[in-house]
N, C-alpha and C. Protein backbone atom coordinates (compact mmCIF):
# COMPACT_ATOMS: atom_id res chain seq x y z
N MET A 1 124.18 101.73 80.09
CA MET A 1 123.44 100.66 80.71
C MET A 1 122.97 101.09 82.08
N ALA A 2 121.75 100.72 82.42
CA ALA A 2 121.19 101.03 83.73
C ALA A 2 120.50 99.79 84.27
N TYR A 3 120.62 99.58 85.57
CA TYR A 3 119.92 98.48 86.21
C TYR A 3 118.50 99.03 86.53
N ILE A 4 117.48 98.28 86.08
CA ILE A 4 116.09 98.76 86.25
C ILE A 4 115.25 97.59 86.73
N GLU A 5 114.47 97.86 87.79
CA GLU A 5 113.44 96.90 88.23
C GLU A 5 112.13 97.30 87.51
N HIS A 6 111.35 96.27 87.19
CA HIS A 6 110.08 96.52 86.51
C HIS A 6 109.19 97.43 87.35
N PRO A 7 108.81 98.60 86.80
CA PRO A 7 108.05 99.55 87.61
C PRO A 7 106.53 99.45 87.48
N ILE A 8 106.03 98.54 86.59
CA ILE A 8 104.60 98.50 86.31
C ILE A 8 104.00 97.26 86.89
N ARG A 9 102.86 97.40 87.52
CA ARG A 9 102.14 96.26 88.09
C ARG A 9 101.49 95.47 86.95
N PRO A 10 101.42 94.16 87.04
CA PRO A 10 100.74 93.37 86.02
C PRO A 10 99.23 93.67 86.01
N VAL A 11 98.60 93.47 84.89
CA VAL A 11 97.16 93.65 84.77
C VAL A 11 96.54 92.27 84.62
N TYR A 12 95.63 91.93 85.55
CA TYR A 12 94.94 90.64 85.47
C TYR A 12 93.83 90.65 86.56
N ASP A 13 92.90 89.71 86.42
CA ASP A 13 91.97 89.44 87.51
C ASP A 13 91.65 87.95 87.47
N GLU A 14 90.77 87.50 88.34
CA GLU A 14 90.50 86.07 88.45
C GLU A 14 89.87 85.45 87.19
N THR A 15 89.36 86.31 86.29
CA THR A 15 88.75 85.75 85.05
C THR A 15 89.71 85.73 83.87
N SER A 16 90.96 86.19 84.09
CA SER A 16 91.95 86.22 82.97
C SER A 16 92.23 84.80 82.52
N LYS A 17 92.19 84.61 81.18
CA LYS A 17 92.41 83.30 80.57
C LYS A 17 93.64 83.31 79.66
N ILE A 18 94.00 84.48 79.17
CA ILE A 18 95.11 84.64 78.23
C ILE A 18 96.16 85.54 78.91
N LEU A 19 97.42 85.13 78.84
CA LEU A 19 98.51 85.93 79.36
C LEU A 19 99.38 86.37 78.19
N ILE A 20 99.51 87.66 78.02
CA ILE A 20 100.40 88.20 76.98
C ILE A 20 101.61 88.80 77.69
N LEU A 21 102.78 88.36 77.23
CA LEU A 21 104.03 88.74 77.88
C LEU A 21 104.94 89.48 76.91
N GLY A 22 105.37 90.65 77.33
CA GLY A 22 106.41 91.38 76.63
C GLY A 22 107.76 90.98 77.23
N SER A 23 108.81 91.62 76.77
CA SER A 23 110.11 91.38 77.34
C SER A 23 110.35 92.22 78.59
N PHE A 24 110.44 93.56 78.37
CA PHE A 24 110.67 94.53 79.42
C PHE A 24 110.14 95.85 78.94
N PRO A 25 109.57 96.68 79.80
CA PRO A 25 108.95 97.93 79.28
C PRO A 25 109.97 98.91 78.71
N SER A 26 109.53 99.50 77.61
CA SER A 26 110.35 100.53 76.95
C SER A 26 110.48 101.77 77.85
N VAL A 27 111.37 102.67 77.48
CA VAL A 27 111.50 103.94 78.18
C VAL A 27 110.15 104.65 78.24
N LYS A 28 109.46 104.73 77.10
CA LYS A 28 108.16 105.43 77.05
C LYS A 28 107.15 104.70 77.98
N SER A 29 107.11 103.40 77.99
CA SER A 29 106.20 102.69 78.87
C SER A 29 106.55 102.93 80.33
N ARG A 30 107.83 102.98 80.67
CA ARG A 30 108.23 103.26 82.00
C ARG A 30 107.85 104.68 82.42
N GLU A 31 107.97 105.63 81.50
CA GLU A 31 107.54 107.00 81.80
C GLU A 31 106.04 107.07 82.04
N GLN A 32 105.27 106.36 81.24
CA GLN A 32 103.81 106.39 81.39
C GLN A 32 103.28 105.48 82.46
N MET A 33 104.17 104.58 82.94
CA MET A 33 103.82 103.56 83.96
C MET A 33 102.69 102.63 83.46
N PHE A 34 102.74 102.31 82.15
CA PHE A 34 101.82 101.33 81.63
C PHE A 34 102.40 100.67 80.37
N PHE A 35 101.87 99.50 80.07
CA PHE A 35 102.39 98.68 78.98
C PHE A 35 102.15 99.29 77.60
N TYR A 36 103.13 99.07 76.73
CA TYR A 36 103.06 99.48 75.34
C TYR A 36 102.71 100.97 75.18
N GLY A 37 103.52 101.76 75.85
CA GLY A 37 103.26 103.21 75.91
C GLY A 37 103.90 104.01 74.78
N HIS A 38 104.76 103.39 74.01
CA HIS A 38 105.38 104.16 72.86
C HIS A 38 104.27 104.41 71.87
N PRO A 39 104.12 105.68 71.42
CA PRO A 39 103.04 106.00 70.46
C PRO A 39 103.08 105.21 69.17
N ARG A 40 104.24 104.71 68.80
CA ARG A 40 104.33 103.96 67.53
C ARG A 40 104.19 102.43 67.77
N ASN A 41 104.14 101.98 69.01
CA ASN A 41 103.93 100.56 69.26
C ASN A 41 102.50 100.25 68.87
N ARG A 42 102.32 99.16 68.13
CA ARG A 42 100.99 98.86 67.54
C ARG A 42 100.15 97.90 68.40
N PHE A 43 100.60 97.61 69.63
CA PHE A 43 99.89 96.67 70.45
C PHE A 43 98.41 97.00 70.62
N TRP A 44 98.12 98.22 70.97
CA TRP A 44 96.69 98.59 71.25
C TRP A 44 95.88 98.59 69.98
N LYS A 45 96.44 99.02 68.85
CA LYS A 45 95.74 98.96 67.58
C LYS A 45 95.46 97.52 67.17
N VAL A 46 96.42 96.66 67.37
CA VAL A 46 96.25 95.22 67.03
C VAL A 46 95.17 94.61 67.93
N MET A 47 95.25 94.84 69.22
CA MET A 47 94.25 94.26 70.12
C MET A 47 92.85 94.75 69.80
N ALA A 48 92.72 96.03 69.51
CA ALA A 48 91.39 96.57 69.13
C ALA A 48 90.86 95.90 67.90
N ALA A 49 91.71 95.70 66.90
CA ALA A 49 91.27 95.03 65.66
C ALA A 49 90.91 93.58 65.89
N VAL A 50 91.72 92.88 66.67
CA VAL A 50 91.49 91.46 66.93
C VAL A 50 90.16 91.23 67.64
N PHE A 51 89.87 92.12 68.60
CA PHE A 51 88.63 91.99 69.36
C PHE A 51 87.45 92.83 68.82
N ALA A 52 87.68 93.45 67.64
CA ALA A 52 86.63 94.26 67.02
C ALA A 52 86.06 95.27 67.98
N GLU A 53 86.95 96.01 68.62
CA GLU A 53 86.54 97.09 69.52
C GLU A 53 87.28 98.36 69.14
N GLN A 54 86.86 99.44 69.76
CA GLN A 54 87.54 100.70 69.56
C GLN A 54 88.88 100.68 70.30
N GLU A 55 89.89 101.30 69.76
CA GLU A 55 91.20 101.35 70.38
C GLU A 55 91.14 102.11 71.69
N PRO A 56 91.57 101.47 72.82
CA PRO A 56 91.60 102.19 74.07
C PRO A 56 92.70 103.25 74.08
N VAL A 57 92.45 104.36 74.76
CA VAL A 57 93.39 105.46 74.74
C VAL A 57 94.04 105.68 76.12
N THR A 58 93.19 105.86 77.12
CA THR A 58 93.71 106.13 78.47
C THR A 58 94.15 104.83 79.17
N ILE A 59 94.92 104.94 80.19
CA ILE A 59 95.33 103.76 80.95
C ILE A 59 94.11 103.04 81.50
N GLU A 60 93.14 103.77 81.98
CA GLU A 60 91.91 103.17 82.52
C GLU A 60 91.16 102.40 81.43
N GLU A 61 91.08 102.97 80.23
CA GLU A 61 90.41 102.30 79.10
C GLU A 61 91.19 101.02 78.73
N LYS A 62 92.51 101.11 78.77
CA LYS A 62 93.33 99.93 78.38
C LYS A 62 93.17 98.84 79.39
N LYS A 63 93.16 99.16 80.69
CA LYS A 63 92.96 98.13 81.74
C LYS A 63 91.58 97.47 81.56
N ALA A 64 90.54 98.30 81.36
CA ALA A 64 89.19 97.81 81.22
C ALA A 64 89.10 96.90 79.99
N PHE A 65 89.73 97.30 78.87
CA PHE A 65 89.76 96.48 77.68
C PHE A 65 90.35 95.10 77.92
N LEU A 66 91.52 95.10 78.60
CA LEU A 66 92.19 93.80 78.90
C LEU A 66 91.29 92.93 79.76
N LEU A 67 90.77 93.47 80.85
CA LEU A 67 89.98 92.66 81.78
C LEU A 67 88.70 92.19 81.13
N ARG A 68 88.05 93.04 80.35
CA ARG A 68 86.79 92.70 79.67
C ARG A 68 87.00 91.49 78.72
N ASN A 69 88.20 91.45 78.14
CA ASN A 69 88.50 90.36 77.19
C ASN A 69 89.32 89.25 77.81
N HIS A 70 89.38 89.22 79.15
CA HIS A 70 90.01 88.12 79.94
C HIS A 70 91.51 87.96 79.59
N ILE A 71 92.14 89.12 79.42
CA ILE A 71 93.59 89.14 79.10
C ILE A 71 94.38 89.68 80.27
N ALA A 72 95.47 88.99 80.59
CA ALA A 72 96.45 89.43 81.59
C ALA A 72 97.67 89.90 80.79
N VAL A 73 98.31 90.96 81.24
CA VAL A 73 99.54 91.45 80.57
C VAL A 73 100.63 91.68 81.63
N TRP A 74 101.79 91.19 81.28
CA TRP A 74 102.98 91.48 82.05
C TRP A 74 104.19 91.25 81.21
N ASP A 75 105.37 91.16 81.79
CA ASP A 75 106.62 90.96 81.05
C ASP A 75 107.36 89.78 81.64
N VAL A 76 108.22 89.19 80.83
CA VAL A 76 108.99 88.01 81.30
C VAL A 76 110.18 88.39 82.17
N ILE A 77 110.61 89.65 82.09
CA ILE A 77 111.79 90.10 82.86
C ILE A 77 111.32 91.04 84.00
N TYR A 78 111.77 90.71 85.21
CA TYR A 78 111.45 91.54 86.37
C TYR A 78 112.45 92.65 86.52
N SER A 79 113.73 92.35 86.30
CA SER A 79 114.74 93.38 86.35
C SER A 79 115.90 92.96 85.45
N CYS A 80 116.67 93.97 85.06
CA CYS A 80 117.80 93.70 84.19
C CYS A 80 118.66 94.97 84.02
N ASP A 81 119.80 94.82 83.40
CA ASP A 81 120.57 95.96 82.93
C ASP A 81 120.12 96.16 81.50
N ILE A 82 119.80 97.41 81.14
CA ILE A 82 119.30 97.67 79.80
C ILE A 82 119.78 99.08 79.38
N GLN A 83 120.02 99.24 78.09
CA GLN A 83 120.36 100.54 77.53
C GLN A 83 119.12 101.06 76.79
N GLY A 84 118.47 102.08 77.34
CA GLY A 84 117.30 102.65 76.71
C GLY A 84 116.17 101.62 76.68
N SER A 85 115.69 101.32 75.44
CA SER A 85 114.61 100.35 75.27
C SER A 85 115.04 99.13 74.48
N ALA A 86 116.34 99.02 74.23
CA ALA A 86 116.85 98.02 73.29
C ALA A 86 116.89 96.62 73.91
N ASP A 87 116.02 95.72 73.42
CA ASP A 87 116.05 94.33 73.89
C ASP A 87 117.46 93.73 73.70
N SER A 88 118.13 94.10 72.66
CA SER A 88 119.43 93.52 72.36
C SER A 88 120.48 93.87 73.40
N SER A 89 120.23 94.93 74.21
CA SER A 89 121.19 95.32 75.22
C SER A 89 120.93 94.65 76.60
N ILE A 90 119.85 93.91 76.72
CA ILE A 90 119.46 93.33 77.99
C ILE A 90 120.54 92.35 78.55
N ARG A 91 120.93 92.57 79.81
CA ARG A 91 121.89 91.76 80.49
C ARG A 91 121.43 91.51 81.92
N ASN A 92 121.99 90.51 82.58
CA ASN A 92 121.78 90.23 84.02
C ASN A 92 120.28 90.15 84.32
N VAL A 93 119.62 89.29 83.64
CA VAL A 93 118.15 89.14 83.76
C VAL A 93 117.74 88.46 85.09
N VAL A 94 116.73 89.03 85.69
CA VAL A 94 116.03 88.36 86.81
C VAL A 94 114.60 88.19 86.25
N PRO A 95 114.20 86.93 86.08
CA PRO A 95 112.88 86.68 85.48
C PRO A 95 111.73 87.05 86.43
N THR A 96 110.60 87.35 85.83
CA THR A 96 109.39 87.63 86.56
C THR A 96 108.84 86.30 87.14
N ASP A 97 108.31 86.34 88.34
CA ASP A 97 107.66 85.18 88.89
C ASP A 97 106.20 85.21 88.42
N LEU A 98 105.86 84.33 87.53
CA LEU A 98 104.52 84.27 86.95
C LEU A 98 103.56 83.36 87.77
N GLN A 99 104.12 82.60 88.73
CA GLN A 99 103.29 81.66 89.47
C GLN A 99 102.12 82.29 90.17
N SER A 100 102.29 83.43 90.75
CA SER A 100 101.20 84.06 91.51
C SER A 100 100.05 84.44 90.57
N ILE A 101 100.41 84.94 89.39
CA ILE A 101 99.32 85.31 88.41
C ILE A 101 98.59 84.05 87.97
N ILE A 102 99.31 83.03 87.62
CA ILE A 102 98.70 81.80 87.12
C ILE A 102 97.85 81.16 88.21
N ALA A 103 98.29 81.20 89.43
CA ALA A 103 97.52 80.60 90.56
C ALA A 103 96.23 81.35 90.82
N GLN A 104 96.19 82.63 90.55
CA GLN A 104 95.03 83.44 90.87
C GLN A 104 94.07 83.66 89.66
N THR A 105 94.35 83.03 88.54
CA THR A 105 93.58 83.23 87.33
C THR A 105 93.17 81.89 86.70
N GLN A 106 92.58 82.00 85.51
CA GLN A 106 92.19 80.82 84.74
C GLN A 106 93.07 80.72 83.47
N ILE A 107 94.29 81.22 83.55
CA ILE A 107 95.15 81.29 82.38
C ILE A 107 95.49 79.88 81.87
N THR A 108 95.21 79.70 80.58
CA THR A 108 95.56 78.43 79.93
C THR A 108 96.37 78.68 78.65
N GLN A 109 96.43 79.94 78.24
CA GLN A 109 97.14 80.33 77.02
C GLN A 109 98.15 81.41 77.34
N VAL A 110 99.38 81.27 76.84
CA VAL A 110 100.43 82.25 77.00
C VAL A 110 100.91 82.67 75.60
N TYR A 111 100.98 83.97 75.36
CA TYR A 111 101.47 84.49 74.11
C TYR A 111 102.59 85.49 74.42
N CYS A 112 103.68 85.35 73.70
CA CYS A 112 104.83 86.25 73.84
C CYS A 112 104.84 87.24 72.72
N ASN A 113 104.95 88.52 73.07
CA ASN A 113 104.99 89.61 72.11
C ASN A 113 106.45 89.76 71.63
N GLY A 114 106.82 88.98 70.62
CA GLY A 114 108.13 89.10 70.04
C GLY A 114 109.09 87.97 70.47
N LYS A 115 110.15 87.86 69.68
CA LYS A 115 111.12 86.78 69.89
C LYS A 115 111.87 86.86 71.21
N THR A 116 112.21 88.08 71.64
CA THR A 116 112.95 88.20 72.92
C THR A 116 112.11 87.68 74.08
N SER A 117 110.83 88.09 74.12
CA SER A 117 109.93 87.61 75.14
C SER A 117 109.82 86.06 75.09
N GLY A 118 109.68 85.53 73.87
CA GLY A 118 109.54 84.10 73.72
C GLY A 118 110.76 83.34 74.20
N ALA A 119 111.93 83.88 73.89
CA ALA A 119 113.21 83.20 74.29
C ALA A 119 113.35 83.24 75.79
N TYR A 120 113.06 84.36 76.43
CA TYR A 120 113.19 84.41 77.89
C TYR A 120 112.11 83.59 78.59
N TYR A 121 110.91 83.53 78.01
CA TYR A 121 109.89 82.65 78.58
C TYR A 121 110.34 81.18 78.55
N ALA A 122 110.83 80.75 77.39
CA ALA A 122 111.33 79.38 77.26
C ALA A 122 112.47 79.12 78.22
N LYS A 123 113.35 80.04 78.39
CA LYS A 123 114.51 79.85 79.23
C LYS A 123 114.15 79.83 80.76
N TYR A 124 113.30 80.75 81.16
CA TYR A 124 113.05 80.92 82.59
C TYR A 124 111.66 80.47 83.12
N GLN A 125 110.62 80.62 82.31
CA GLN A 125 109.30 80.44 82.88
C GLN A 125 108.61 79.13 82.53
N TYR A 126 108.84 78.59 81.37
CA TYR A 126 108.07 77.38 80.97
C TYR A 126 108.20 76.25 81.99
N LYS A 127 109.39 76.05 82.50
CA LYS A 127 109.57 74.93 83.42
C LYS A 127 108.74 75.08 84.72
N ASN A 128 108.42 76.35 85.05
CA ASN A 128 107.60 76.62 86.23
C ASN A 128 106.13 76.65 85.94
N THR A 129 105.73 77.15 84.78
CA THR A 129 104.31 77.29 84.47
C THR A 129 103.73 76.02 83.82
N GLY A 130 104.53 75.29 83.06
CA GLY A 130 104.07 74.12 82.34
C GLY A 130 103.14 74.47 81.19
N ILE A 131 103.04 75.76 80.86
CA ILE A 131 102.14 76.16 79.78
C ILE A 131 103.02 76.54 78.57
N GLU A 132 102.79 75.88 77.46
CA GLU A 132 103.51 76.22 76.26
C GLU A 132 103.14 77.63 75.83
N ALA A 133 104.10 78.39 75.37
CA ALA A 133 103.85 79.75 74.88
C ALA A 133 103.94 79.79 73.38
N THR A 134 103.10 80.61 72.77
CA THR A 134 103.15 80.89 71.36
C THR A 134 103.84 82.24 71.20
N THR A 135 104.86 82.30 70.41
CA THR A 135 105.54 83.58 70.15
C THR A 135 104.94 84.19 68.92
N LEU A 136 104.40 85.42 69.12
CA LEU A 136 103.83 86.16 68.02
C LEU A 136 104.74 87.28 67.57
N PRO A 137 104.59 87.79 66.39
CA PRO A 137 105.46 88.89 65.93
C PRO A 137 105.32 90.13 66.85
N SER A 138 106.42 90.77 67.10
CA SER A 138 106.44 91.92 67.96
C SER A 138 105.63 93.09 67.39
N THR A 139 104.92 93.76 68.28
CA THR A 139 104.15 94.93 67.86
C THR A 139 105.00 96.22 67.97
N SER A 140 106.26 96.06 68.34
CA SER A 140 107.17 97.19 68.51
C SER A 140 107.40 97.93 67.18
N PRO A 141 107.65 99.23 67.26
CA PRO A 141 107.99 99.95 66.02
C PRO A 141 109.30 99.45 65.39
N ALA A 142 110.13 98.78 66.19
CA ALA A 142 111.38 98.22 65.65
C ALA A 142 111.11 97.11 64.67
N ASN A 143 109.93 96.51 64.75
CA ASN A 143 109.54 95.42 63.85
C ASN A 143 108.81 95.96 62.64
N ALA A 144 109.48 96.82 61.89
CA ALA A 144 108.87 97.51 60.77
C ALA A 144 108.53 96.59 59.60
N ALA A 145 109.10 95.40 59.58
CA ALA A 145 108.81 94.44 58.45
C ALA A 145 107.37 93.96 58.49
N TRP A 146 106.72 94.09 59.63
CA TRP A 146 105.33 93.59 59.80
C TRP A 146 104.38 94.79 59.72
N SER A 147 103.52 94.75 58.73
CA SER A 147 102.48 95.79 58.60
C SER A 147 101.45 95.59 59.70
N LEU A 148 100.64 96.56 59.96
CA LEU A 148 99.54 96.45 60.92
C LEU A 148 98.60 95.31 60.50
N GLU A 149 98.30 95.21 59.22
CA GLU A 149 97.40 94.18 58.70
C GLU A 149 97.96 92.81 58.97
N LYS A 150 99.28 92.61 58.73
CA LYS A 150 99.89 91.31 58.98
C LYS A 150 99.91 91.00 60.45
N LEU A 151 100.14 91.98 61.30
CA LEU A 151 100.16 91.78 62.76
C LEU A 151 98.80 91.32 63.24
N VAL A 152 97.77 92.02 62.72
CA VAL A 152 96.38 91.68 63.14
C VAL A 152 96.05 90.23 62.75
N GLU A 153 96.44 89.85 61.53
CA GLU A 153 96.23 88.49 61.09
C GLU A 153 96.94 87.48 61.99
N ALA A 154 98.18 87.74 62.31
CA ALA A 154 98.96 86.80 63.15
C ALA A 154 98.40 86.76 64.58
N TRP A 155 98.03 87.89 65.14
CA TRP A 155 97.56 87.96 66.51
C TRP A 155 96.11 87.48 66.67
N SER A 156 95.40 87.34 65.57
CA SER A 156 94.01 86.89 65.63
C SER A 156 93.81 85.51 66.26
N GLN A 157 94.89 84.74 66.30
CA GLN A 157 94.78 83.37 66.89
C GLN A 157 94.53 83.43 68.40
N ILE A 158 94.68 84.57 69.05
CA ILE A 158 94.48 84.58 70.51
C ILE A 158 92.99 84.49 70.90
N VAL A 159 92.07 84.78 69.94
CA VAL A 159 90.64 84.77 70.29
C VAL A 159 90.05 83.39 70.00
């Protein structure tokens, strides 16, 4: 177990309307210093399919993709004790303060990437944001029960 503070800055601008929240960045994402950095995480493939665009590859392309589609991305946990990338090991949670993002944007929709994110949003953030969140199936490689096609179908509701 290691105590880790979130090392990645949120992505958003004043035109962001949709907020997508993960739980906490994986080891690979922390190494790359950007969201959904594990090569087997299907987040970027799903987003590209949902928005009928080419899959972004570089961090700059990913940021541009998100902002062009009015999407903000961050995580529900600001710091915690965690073992590797395992959501099941998360302890001593300090939630992310989402108020500043919501105040500076046009966010009216919140989507949680997976059950862990959804549970922590419900526990810590909903009372502050007042925005109901929809929990979508995780794009993590650990969620092998969901095919790419099923994920795209489920995530299509964000547009």
